[in-house]
Protein backbone atom coordinates (compact mmCIF):
# COMPACT_ATOMS: atom_id res chain seq x y z
CA MET A 1 0.00 0.00 0.00
CA THR A 2 0.97 3.62 -0.52
CA VAL A 3 2.96 5.62 2.02
CA ILE A 4 2.34 9.37 2.24
CA VAL A 5 5.17 11.65 3.32
CA THR A 6 4.38 15.34 3.77
CA GLY A 7 7.26 17.80 3.77
CA ALA A 8 8.89 15.21 1.52
CA ALA A 9 11.28 17.66 -0.13
CA GLY A 10 12.32 19.10 3.22
CA PHE A 11 15.06 18.07 5.61
CA VAL A 12 13.71 15.16 7.65
CA GLY A 13 11.10 14.33 5.01
CA ALA A 14 13.61 13.78 2.20
CA ASN A 15 15.86 11.67 4.41
CA LEU A 16 12.81 9.64 5.38
CA VAL A 17 11.88 9.05 1.72
CA LYS A 18 15.46 7.93 1.03
CA ALA A 19 15.35 5.54 4.00
CA LEU A 20 12.01 4.11 2.86
CA ASN A 21 13.57 3.50 -0.54
CA ALA A 22 16.41 1.62 1.17
CA GLN A 23 13.76 -0.68 2.66
CA GLY A 24 12.35 -1.34 -0.81
CA GLU A 25 9.44 1.11 -0.50
CA THR A 26 8.83 3.18 -3.64
CA ASP A 27 5.04 3.50 -3.62
CA ILE A 28 5.36 6.89 -1.96
CA VAL A 29 3.21 9.97 -2.45
CA ALA A 30 5.43 12.97 -1.73
CA VAL A 31 3.65 16.13 -0.58
CA ASP A 32 5.34 19.52 -0.28
CA ASN A 33 5.30 23.19 -1.23
CA LEU A 34 7.92 23.89 -3.90
CA THR A 35 7.47 27.65 -3.98
CA ARG A 36 11.15 27.52 -3.10
CA ALA A 37 11.96 25.28 -6.04
CA GLU A 38 15.52 24.43 -5.00
CA LYS A 39 14.15 21.90 -2.51
CA PHE A 40 13.48 19.53 -5.41
CA ARG A 41 17.17 18.59 -5.27
CA ASN A 42 16.56 16.69 -2.03
CA LEU A 43 14.41 14.18 -3.95
CA VAL A 44 16.49 13.75 -7.09
CA ASP A 45 18.09 10.49 -5.88
CA CYS A 46 14.82 9.21 -4.35
CA GLU A 47 12.09 7.06 -5.87
CA ILE A 48 8.49 8.21 -5.47
CA ALA A 49 5.22 7.23 -7.14
CA ASP A 50 3.60 10.68 -7.19
CA TYR A 51 4.01 14.28 -6.06
CA LEU A 52 1.27 16.58 -4.79
CA ASP A 53 1.48 20.24 -3.94
CA LYS A 54 0.49 20.85 -0.33
CA GLU A 55 -2.56 22.95 -1.19
CA ASP A 56 -3.74 20.42 -3.78
CA PHE A 57 -3.28 17.73 -1.15
CA ARG A 58 -5.40 19.65 1.36
CA SER A 59 -8.08 20.06 -1.30
CA VAL A 60 -8.08 16.33 -2.05
CA LEU A 61 -8.35 15.61 1.68
CA ALA A 62 -11.30 17.98 2.04
CA ARG A 63 -13.12 16.27 -0.85
CA GLY A 64 -12.41 12.82 0.54
CA ALA A 65 -10.86 11.89 -2.81
CA LEU A 66 -7.64 10.36 -1.53
CA ALA A 67 -7.06 6.59 -1.60
CA ARG A 68 -6.32 5.06 1.79
CA PRO A 69 -2.54 4.68 2.39
CA ARG A 70 -0.75 2.28 4.70
CA ILE A 71 0.61 5.13 6.85
CA VAL A 72 1.11 8.91 6.83
CA TYR A 73 4.41 10.46 7.93
CA HIS A 74 3.59 14.13 8.46
CA GLN A 75 6.86 16.10 8.34
CA GLY A 76 5.46 19.18 6.58
CA ALA A 77 5.73 22.43 8.56
CA CYS A 78 7.17 25.91 8.55
CA SER A 79 10.19 25.51 10.86
CA ASP A 80 11.38 29.12 10.95
CA THR A 81 11.50 29.97 14.64
CA MET A 82 12.02 33.65 13.75
CA ALA A 83 8.90 33.89 11.57
CA SER A 84 6.43 36.60 12.60
CA ASP A 85 3.36 35.74 10.49
CA GLY A 86 1.29 33.99 13.12
CA ARG A 87 -1.72 33.48 10.84
CA TYR A 88 0.37 31.56 8.33
CA MET A 89 2.18 29.57 11.02
CA LEU A 90 -1.02 28.41 12.70
CA ASP A 91 -2.70 27.55 9.40
CA ASN A 92 0.34 25.71 8.06
CA ASN A 93 1.49 23.94 11.22
CA PHE A 94 -1.69 23.58 13.26
CA ARG A 95 -4.76 23.63 11.00
CA TYR A 96 -3.14 21.57 8.23
CA SER A 97 -2.01 18.97 10.80
CA LEU A 98 -5.49 18.84 12.29
CA GLU A 99 -7.09 18.24 8.88
CA LEU A 100 -4.71 15.38 8.23
CA LEU A 101 -5.19 13.91 11.70
CA ASP A 102 -8.97 13.90 11.29
CA TRP A 103 -8.69 12.26 7.87
CA CYS A 104 -6.33 9.56 9.17
CA GLN A 105 -8.68 8.79 12.03
CA ALA A 106 -11.67 8.54 9.69
CA GLN A 107 -9.68 6.18 7.46
CA LYS A 108 -8.07 4.32 10.39
CA VAL A 109 -4.58 5.09 9.11
CA PRO A 110 -1.54 5.30 11.44
CA PHE A 111 -0.25 8.87 11.70
CA VAL A 112 3.33 9.78 12.65
CA TYR A 113 3.96 13.52 12.88
CA ALA A 114 6.79 15.94 13.62
CA SER A 115 6.55 17.97 16.79
CA SER A 116 9.43 19.97 18.26
CA ALA A 117 11.49 20.39 21.42
CA SER A 118 10.89 24.12 21.03
CA VAL A 119 7.67 23.56 22.99
CA TYR A 120 9.82 23.35 26.15
CA GLY A 121 11.00 26.94 25.81
CA LEU A 122 13.85 27.72 28.17
CA GLY A 123 13.43 24.48 30.09
CA PRO A 124 15.04 23.33 32.28
CA ALA A 125 13.01 20.09 32.25
CA TYR A 126 12.57 18.20 28.98
CA ALA A 127 10.17 15.36 29.73
CA GLU A 128 6.90 15.10 27.80
CA ALA A 129 4.70 16.75 30.43
CA ARG A 130 2.41 19.79 30.26
CA GLU A 131 4.14 21.56 33.15
CA ASN A 132 7.42 21.60 31.19
CA GLU A 133 5.97 23.25 28.08
CA LYS A 134 6.46 27.01 27.72
CA PRO A 135 6.76 27.94 24.01
CA LEU A 136 8.66 31.16 23.30
CA ASN A 137 7.61 31.86 19.70
CA VAL A 138 4.69 31.27 17.38
CA TYR A 139 6.42 28.30 15.72
CA ALA A 140 6.75 26.55 19.08
CA TYR A 141 3.18 27.51 19.96
CA SER A 142 1.86 25.97 16.73
CA LYS A 143 3.54 22.68 17.61
CA PHE A 144 2.41 22.86 21.23
CA LEU A 145 -1.18 23.55 20.22
CA PHE A 146 -1.37 20.48 18.00
CA ASP A 147 0.24 18.29 20.68
CA GLN A 148 -2.48 19.45 23.06
CA VAL A 149 -5.19 18.31 20.63
CA VAL A 150 -3.52 14.91 20.39
CA ARG A 151 -3.37 14.63 24.18
CA ARG A 152 -7.05 15.45 24.60
CA ARG A 153 -7.99 12.74 22.11
CA LEU A 154 -5.52 10.05 23.17
CA ARG A 155 -8.12 7.58 24.43
CA SER A 156 -10.51 7.98 21.54
CA PHE A 157 -8.23 7.35 18.57
CA ALA A 158 -9.28 4.71 16.06
CA ALA A 159 -5.71 4.37 14.72
CA PRO A 160 -2.29 5.05 16.28
CA VAL A 161 -1.01 8.65 16.45
CA THR A 162 2.67 9.23 17.22
CA GLY A 163 4.15 12.67 17.87
CA LEU A 164 7.93 13.05 17.68
CA ARG A 165 9.52 16.02 19.43
CA TYR A 166 12.74 16.60 17.52
CA PHE A 167 15.59 18.23 19.36
CA ASN A 168 18.45 19.89 17.37
CA VAL A 169 18.55 17.79 14.21
CA TYR A 170 21.47 18.09 11.80
CA GLY A 171 22.65 16.17 8.75
CA PRO A 172 22.28 15.73 4.97
CA ARG A 173 19.68 17.54 2.85
CA GLU A 174 19.26 20.68 4.97
CA ALA A 175 20.94 23.31 2.75
CA HIS A 176 17.58 24.79 1.68
CA LYS A 177 16.88 25.77 5.30
CA ALA A 178 19.40 28.63 4.95
CA ARG A 179 19.61 30.52 8.28
CA MET A 180 17.57 27.79 9.99
CA ALA A 181 20.04 25.05 9.00
CA SER A 182 21.97 23.39 11.80
CA VAL A 183 25.03 24.85 13.50
CA ALA A 184 27.06 21.95 12.06
CA PHE A 185 26.08 23.09 8.54
CA HIS A 186 27.02 26.69 9.24
CA HIS A 187 30.27 25.74 10.99
CA PHE A 188 31.29 23.65 7.98
CA HIS A 189 30.82 26.55 5.57
CA GLN A 190 32.40 29.10 7.92
CA PHE A 191 35.54 27.03 8.34
CA ARG A 192 35.91 26.33 4.63
CA ALA A 193 35.42 29.99 3.74
CA GLU A 194 37.36 31.67 6.56
CA GLY A 195 39.40 29.00 8.32
CA LYS A 196 37.52 29.51 11.57
CA VAL A 197 34.22 28.81 13.30
CA ARG A 198 32.37 31.44 15.34
CA LEU A 199 30.59 30.68 18.61
CA PHE A 200 28.98 32.86 21.25
CA GLU A 201 30.92 34.12 24.21
CA GLY A 202 29.78 33.03 27.65
CA SER A 203 26.11 33.52 28.54
CA HIS A 204 23.36 32.07 30.74
CA GLY A 205 26.01 31.01 33.26
CA TYR A 206 28.02 29.06 30.68
CA ALA A 207 31.59 29.74 29.58
CA ALA A 208 32.36 30.65 25.96
CA GLY A 209 30.96 28.03 23.59
CA GLU A 210 29.76 25.90 26.49
CA GLN A 211 26.04 26.56 25.96
CA ARG A 212 24.76 23.09 25.23
CA ARG A 213 22.00 21.34 23.39
CA ASP A 214 20.89 17.87 22.45
CA PHE A 215 22.20 17.54 18.88
CA VAL A 216 20.71 14.55 17.03
CA HIS A 217 21.72 13.26 13.60
CA VAL A 218 18.89 13.12 11.06
CA ASP A 219 19.52 9.39 10.52
CA ASP A 220 18.49 8.80 14.13
CA ALA A 221 15.37 10.96 13.72
CA VAL A 222 14.46 8.95 10.62
CA ALA A 223 15.11 5.65 12.38
CA VAL A 224 12.61 6.62 15.10
CA ASN A 225 10.01 7.40 12.42
CA LEU A 226 10.56 4.01 10.80
CA HIS A 227 10.34 2.27 14.16
CA PHE A 228 6.87 3.66 14.79
CA GLY A 229 5.93 2.98 11.19
CA ALA A 230 6.67 -0.70 11.77
CA LYS A 231 5.36 -0.81 15.35
CA PRO A 232 2.64 1.86 15.64
CA ALA A 233 2.06 3.35 19.08
CA THR A 234 0.04 6.26 20.35
CA GLY A 235 1.87 8.94 22.31
CA ILE A 236 4.23 11.90 22.16
CA TYR A 237 7.94 11.12 22.39
CA ASN A 238 11.18 13.08 22.55
CA VAL A 239 13.71 12.41 19.78
CA GLY A 240 17.24 13.33 20.81
CA THR A 241 20.37 11.64 22.08
CA GLY A 242 19.56 12.16 25.76
CA ARG A 243 22.90 13.97 26.08
CA ALA A 244 23.48 17.74 26.08
CA GLN A 245 26.75 18.64 24.35
CA PRO A 246 28.45 22.05 24.13
CA PHE A 247 28.57 24.02 20.91
CA ASN A 248 32.34 23.72 21.35
CA ASP A 249 31.99 19.99 20.68
CA VAL A 250 30.18 20.63 17.39
CA ALA A 251 32.71 23.24 16.26
CA LEU A 252 35.67 21.07 17.18
CA ALA A 253 34.16 18.04 15.44
CA VAL A 254 33.78 20.09 12.24
CA VAL A 255 37.30 21.52 12.47
CA ASN A 256 38.90 18.15 13.11
CA ALA A 257 36.89 16.35 10.43
CA LEU A 258 38.03 18.89 7.85
CA ARG A 259 41.62 18.83 9.14
CA GLY A 260 41.56 15.06 8.90
CA ARG A 261 40.57 15.26 5.24
CA ASP A 262 43.71 17.33 4.69
CA GLY A 263 45.91 14.85 6.54
CA LYS A 264 46.28 17.05 9.61
CA ALA A 265 46.23 15.87 13.21
CA PRO A 266 43.16 16.61 15.36
CA LEU A 267 43.23 19.55 17.75
CA ARG A 268 42.08 19.84 21.32
CA LEU A 269 39.72 22.69 22.12
CA ALA A 270 42.38 24.93 23.68
CA GLU A 271 44.62 24.39 20.66
CA ALA A 272 41.82 25.20 18.22
CA VAL A 273 41.06 28.43 20.10
CA ALA A 274 44.75 29.38 20.33
CA GLN A 275 45.20 28.83 16.59
CA GLY A 276 42.11 30.88 15.76
CA SER A 277 40.17 27.93 14.36
CA ILE A 278 37.42 28.69 16.89
CA GLU A 279 36.54 32.30 17.66
CA TYR A 280 34.08 33.65 20.23
CA VAL A 281 31.79 36.59 19.44
CA PRO A 282 29.50 38.62 21.73
CA PHE A 283 26.13 37.11 22.57
CA PRO A 284 23.42 39.02 20.63
CA GLU A 285 21.19 41.21 22.75
CA ALA A 286 18.25 40.33 20.47
CA LEU A 287 18.41 36.71 21.66
CA ARG A 288 18.34 37.39 25.39
CA GLY A 289 15.31 35.70 26.92
CA LYS A 290 14.66 33.80 23.68
CA TYR A 291 17.63 31.45 23.50
CA GLN A 292 17.76 27.81 24.57
CA ALA A 293 21.18 27.66 26.25
CA TYR A 294 20.52 24.11 27.43
CA THR A 295 18.40 21.27 26.08
CA GLN A 296 18.56 17.55 26.82
CA ALA A 297 15.90 15.09 25.76
CA ASP A 298 14.42 12.87 28.43
CA LEU A 299 14.27 9.58 26.50
CA GLY A 300 12.37 7.62 29.13
CA GLY A 301 9.13 7.61 27.15
CA LEU A 302 10.83 6.66 23.88
CA ARG A 303 12.67 3.77 25.49
CA GLU A 304 9.51 2.53 27.21
CA ALA A 305 7.81 2.58 23.80
CA GLY A 306 10.37 0.03 22.60
CA TYR A 307 12.96 2.12 20.77
CA ALA A 308 16.29 0.78 22.03
CA ARG A 309 18.77 1.80 19.33
CA PRO A 310 21.62 4.04 20.59
CA MET A 311 21.89 7.57 19.16
CA ALA A 312 25.04 8.95 17.56
CA GLY A 313 26.96 11.53 19.58
CA VAL A 314 28.26 14.74 18.05
CA GLU A 315 31.77 13.35 17.49
CA GLN A 316 30.52 10.48 15.33
CA GLY A 317 27.52 12.20 13.73
CA VAL A 318 29.22 15.46 12.75
CA ALA A 319 32.23 13.65 11.26
CA SER A 320 29.85 11.59 9.12
CA TYR A 321 27.96 14.71 8.07
CA VAL A 322 31.13 16.57 7.10
CA GLY A 323 32.03 13.63 4.85
CA TRP A 324 28.62 13.85 3.20
CA LEU A 325 28.91 17.60 2.70
CA LEU A 326 32.31 17.23 1.05
CA GLU A 327 31.00 14.50 -1.23
CA HIS A 328 27.85 16.40 -2.22
CA GLY A 329 29.27 19.89 -2.54
């Protein structure tokens, strides 16, 4: 039966399509908005059965003219945390998701959707509980609002609904995200262009570059999607490594991966700073009160749901990503 992937030309969506292909799945309906046409490149090496524009897809849903698929992976969303058009954000991230949820329930189709760790705001607790959720921007609020609908309906669902709260995902096929691409992506391009990586000076009680987040490779995010595709379960689960790592770790992993490609020995952090490979810049005033200086996924719920695979740390995941970036330009 057909698999539907929304946001299929986007970051996680395209990697998910590629992973489905690796499992022999090609009967895939890809849904996206290609107003920014360059995203098509993410699907060039993927096999799909059909493509639908997001608005055409919503129209087909409203008419009830869509054939029943095996599963829907809903990755489509506006992920710009700096966006200010609240009407668009709530229509695109909340209302669209609600339409698809209702359709999946009517058709008894399993529904796996992308939520976000942004719902936790400044933390400091990152377990999937209402008291920990304090969204700081309209993007986070749109994700939070849909999660709340799912929670209210948990006991009445006719088919499984799985929400995945992604932490800081990085990896292949994210170039189209521009300023919203991962720090690993930006560090890679900074170092190749200027021979150095820039990080923030100390803030929020952390030393320079020691602000820390849960950085998760996109392959791990995709693997969690596939797990719940094979073993559907209803609930909302964090998707991270369960380990907060400093931005210094990401920068150093990029620097050393690129040095290694040139036959150079790896540096320690102090050496990289002394040589100017890592540079610290003032923390922007515009981000005060809006910046997650610490995130760390509580993976208790995910593990209880049966996902046991270990997650790649920054050292392994970033090195792999740098190799991919070099290979794919």
